[in-house]
Amino acid sequence: MDYIRAAEILPQELIEQLQEYVDGAAVYIPKKEEEKKAWGAKTNTKTELARRNERIYTEHLAGTSIKELAREYFLAEKSIQRIVRQERSKRDVTAMEGWKDEY
């Protein structure tokens, strides 16, 4: 977040109106809704985390213990358990949708 001097970009009348509400205080002006980006939209972080979680689930199915996965991925065991549970749930929903379409 950058700070910009109001006097450099705003008309004096607007500055005076703002001073009636927040004289001398810093004010945060949020971006317009249409300019806001979803978390991870600027980077591949969301995709990378999804891939990592899929790998964790696959390794767990192949027999790697929660404890080993936690050590390997530098995560708490509870985090690994949550990831495994979420990945299993995703696959269960996908499987049920496919089953529903067959009938």
C-alpha atoms as a PDB file:
ATOM      1  CA  MET A   1       0.000   0.000   0.000  1.00  0.00           C
ATOM      2  CA  ASP A   2       1.462   3.332  -1.064  1.00  0.00           C
ATOM      3  CA  TYR A   3       0.913   6.634   0.658  1.00  0.00           C
ATOM      4  CA  ILE A   4       0.165   9.632  -1.514  1.00  0.00           C
ATOM      5  CA  ARG A   5      -0.122  13.214  -0.301  1.00  0.00           C
ATOM      6  CA  ALA A   6      -3.714  14.342  -0.721  1.00  0.00           C
ATOM      7  CA  ALA A   7      -2.607  17.840  -1.776  1.00  0.00           C
ATOM      8  CA  GLU A   8      -0.787  16.332  -4.758  1.00  0.00           C
ATOM      9  CA  ILE A   9      -3.855  14.634  -6.249  1.00  0.00           C
ATOM     10  CA  LEU A  10      -7.079  16.014  -4.729  1.00  0.00           C
ATOM     11  CA  PRO A  11      -8.787  19.371  -5.249  1.00  0.00           C
ATOM     12  CA  GLN A  12      -8.548  21.735  -2.264  1.00  0.00           C
ATOM     13  CA  GLU A  13     -12.346  21.684  -1.762  1.00  0.00           C
ATOM     14  CA  LEU A  14     -12.328  17.906  -1.362  1.00  0.00           C
ATOM     15  CA  ILE A  15      -9.420  18.057   1.074  1.00  0.00           C
ATOM     16  CA  GLU A  16     -11.346  20.579   3.176  1.00  0.00           C
ATOM     17  CA  GLN A  17     -14.417  18.314   3.180  1.00  0.00           C
ATOM     18  CA  LEU A  18     -12.311  15.331   4.258  1.00  0.00           C
ATOM     19  CA  GLN A  19     -10.720  17.396   7.026  1.00  0.00           C
ATOM     20  CA  GLU A  20     -14.182  17.886   8.540  1.00  0.00           C
ATOM     21  CA  TYR A  21     -14.265  14.115   9.183  1.00  0.00           C
ATOM     22  CA  VAL A  22     -10.635  13.081   9.633  1.00  0.00           C
ATOM     23  CA  ASP A  23      -8.473  16.119  10.277  1.00  0.00           C
ATOM     24  CA  GLY A  24      -4.826  15.042  10.172  1.00  0.00           C
ATOM     25  CA  ALA A  25      -5.525  11.283  10.215  1.00  0.00           C
ATOM     26  CA  ALA A  26      -4.423   8.723   7.649  1.00  0.00           C
ATOM     27  CA  VAL A  27      -7.295   7.448   5.510  1.00  0.00           C
ATOM     28  CA  TYR A  28      -7.373   4.192   3.555  1.00  0.00           C
ATOM     29  CA  ILE A  29      -9.294   4.348   0.282  1.00  0.00           C
ATOM     30  CA  PRO A  30     -10.068   0.834  -1.002  1.00  0.00           C
ATOM     31  CA  LYS A  31      -9.924  -0.140  -4.658  1.00  0.00           C
ATOM     32  CA  LYS A  32     -13.128  -0.241  -6.640  1.00  0.00           C
ATOM     33  CA  GLU A  33     -14.830  -3.651  -6.430  1.00  0.00           C
ATOM     34  CA  GLU A  34     -14.271  -4.407 -10.109  1.00  0.00           C
ATOM     35  CA  GLU A  35     -10.513  -3.856  -9.701  1.00  0.00           C
ATOM     36  CA  LYS A  36     -10.114  -6.219  -6.755  1.00  0.00           C
ATOM     37  CA  LYS A  37      -8.460  -9.515  -7.552  1.00  0.00           C
ATOM     38  CA  ALA A  38      -9.140 -12.798  -5.833  1.00  0.00           C
ATOM     39  CA  TRP A  39      -6.490 -14.182  -3.510  1.00  0.00           C
ATOM     40  CA  GLY A  40      -3.716 -15.785  -5.548  1.00  0.00           C
ATOM     41  CA  ALA A  41      -4.843 -14.246  -8.843  1.00  0.00           C
ATOM     42  CA  LYS A  42      -1.556 -12.399  -9.397  1.00  0.00           C
ATOM     43  CA  THR A  43       0.645 -15.430  -8.770  1.00  0.00           C
ATOM     44  CA  ASN A  44       0.499 -19.187  -9.174  1.00  0.00           C
ATOM     45  CA  THR A  45       0.276 -19.697  -5.414  1.00  0.00           C
ATOM     46  CA  LYS A  46      -3.270 -21.043  -5.501  1.00  0.00           C
ATOM     47  CA  THR A  47      -2.409 -23.535  -8.252  1.00  0.00           C
ATOM     48  CA  GLU A  48       0.832 -24.573  -6.563  1.00  0.00           C
ATOM     49  CA  LEU A  49      -0.946 -25.209  -3.256  1.00  0.00           C
ATOM     50  CA  ALA A  50      -3.631 -27.259  -5.014  1.00  0.00           C
ATOM     51  CA  ARG A  51      -0.935 -29.392  -6.675  1.00  0.00           C
ATOM     52  CA  ARG A  52       0.923 -29.786  -3.385  1.00  0.00           C
ATOM     53  CA  ASN A  53      -2.278 -30.897  -1.655  1.00  0.00           C
ATOM     54  CA  GLU A  54      -2.973 -33.434  -4.407  1.00  0.00           C
ATOM     55  CA  ARG A  55       0.575 -34.815  -4.002  1.00  0.00           C
ATOM     56  CA  ILE A  56       0.101 -35.068  -0.243  1.00  0.00           C
ATOM     57  CA  TYR A  57      -3.156 -36.973  -0.725  1.00  0.00           C
ATOM     58  CA  THR A  58      -1.644 -39.301  -3.332  1.00  0.00           C
ATOM     59  CA  GLU A  59       1.377 -40.017  -1.135  1.00  0.00           C
ATOM     60  CA  HIS A  60      -0.925 -40.688   1.821  1.00  0.00           C
ATOM     61  CA  LEU A  61      -2.954 -43.157  -0.269  1.00  0.00           C
ATOM     62  CA  ALA A  62       0.318 -44.839  -1.237  1.00  0.00           C
ATOM     63  CA  GLY A  63       1.049 -45.450   2.437  1.00  0.00           C
ATOM     64  CA  THR A  64       3.070 -42.468   3.623  1.00  0.00           C
ATOM     65  CA  SER A  65       2.100 -41.650   7.197  1.00  0.00           C
ATOM     66  CA  ILE A  66       0.710 -38.311   8.344  1.00  0.00           C
ATOM     67  CA  LYS A  67       3.808 -37.828  10.487  1.00  0.00           C
ATOM     68  CA  GLU A  68       6.169 -38.413   7.540  1.00  0.00           C
ATOM     69  CA  LEU A  69       4.169 -36.079   5.289  1.00  0.00           C
ATOM     70  CA  ALA A  70       4.227 -33.369   7.955  1.00  0.00           C
ATOM     71  CA  ARG A  71       8.003 -33.651   8.156  1.00  0.00           C
ATOM     72  CA  GLU A  72       8.449 -33.740   4.373  1.00  0.00           C
ATOM     73  CA  TYR A  73       6.218 -30.718   3.678  1.00  0.00           C
ATOM     74  CA  PHE A  74       7.122 -28.747   6.825  1.00  0.00           C
ATOM     75  CA  LEU A  75       3.498 -28.668   7.992  1.00  0.00           C
ATOM     76  CA  ALA A  76       1.789 -29.583  11.240  1.00  0.00           C
ATOM     77  CA  GLU A  77       0.212 -33.030  11.402  1.00  0.00           C
ATOM     78  CA  LYS A  78      -3.191 -31.354  11.847  1.00  0.00           C
ATOM     79  CA  SER A  79      -2.635 -29.474   8.576  1.00  0.00           C
ATOM     80  CA  ILE A  80      -1.822 -32.712   6.753  1.00  0.00           C
ATOM     81  CA  GLN A  81      -4.940 -34.335   8.231  1.00  0.00           C
ATOM     82  CA  ARG A  82      -7.052 -31.377   7.064  1.00  0.00           C
ATOM     83  CA  ILE A  83      -5.556 -31.555   3.547  1.00  0.00           C
ATOM     84  CA  VAL A  84      -6.172 -35.317   3.319  1.00  0.00           C
ATOM     85  CA  ARG A  85      -9.755 -34.855   4.538  1.00  0.00           C
ATOM     86  CA  GLN A  86     -10.420 -32.036   2.028  1.00  0.00           C
ATOM     87  CA  GLU A  87      -8.898 -33.932  -0.890  1.00  0.00           C
ATOM     88  CA  ARG A  88     -10.884 -37.063  -0.001  1.00  0.00           C
ATOM     89  CA  SER A  89     -14.053 -34.982   0.223  1.00  0.00           C
ATOM     90  CA  LYS A  90     -13.390 -33.419  -3.206  1.00  0.00           C
ATOM     91  CA  ARG A  91     -12.982 -36.823  -4.780  1.00  0.00           C
ATOM     92  CA  ASP A  92     -16.088 -38.192  -3.043  1.00  0.00           C
ATOM     93  CA  VAL A  93     -18.173 -35.315  -4.430  1.00  0.00           C
ATOM     94  CA  THR A  94     -16.712 -35.791  -7.918  1.00  0.00           C
ATOM     95  CA  ALA A  95     -17.383 -39.530  -7.784  1.00  0.00           C
ATOM     96  CA  MET A  96     -20.965 -38.962  -6.644  1.00  0.00           C
ATOM     97  CA  GLU A  97     -21.579 -36.480  -9.471  1.00  0.00           C
ATOM     98  CA  GLY A  98     -20.337 -39.022 -12.008  1.00  0.00           C
ATOM     99  CA  TRP A  99     -22.500 -41.722 -10.441  1.00  0.00           C
ATOM    100  CA  LYS A 100     -25.550 -39.442 -10.534  1.00  0.00           C
ATOM    101  CA  ASP A 101     -25.078 -38.825 -14.273  1.00  0.00           C
ATOM    102  CA  GLU A 102     -25.107 -42.558 -14.998  1.00  0.00           C
ATOM    103  CA  TYR A 103     -28.696 -42.959 -13.796  1.00  0.00           C
END
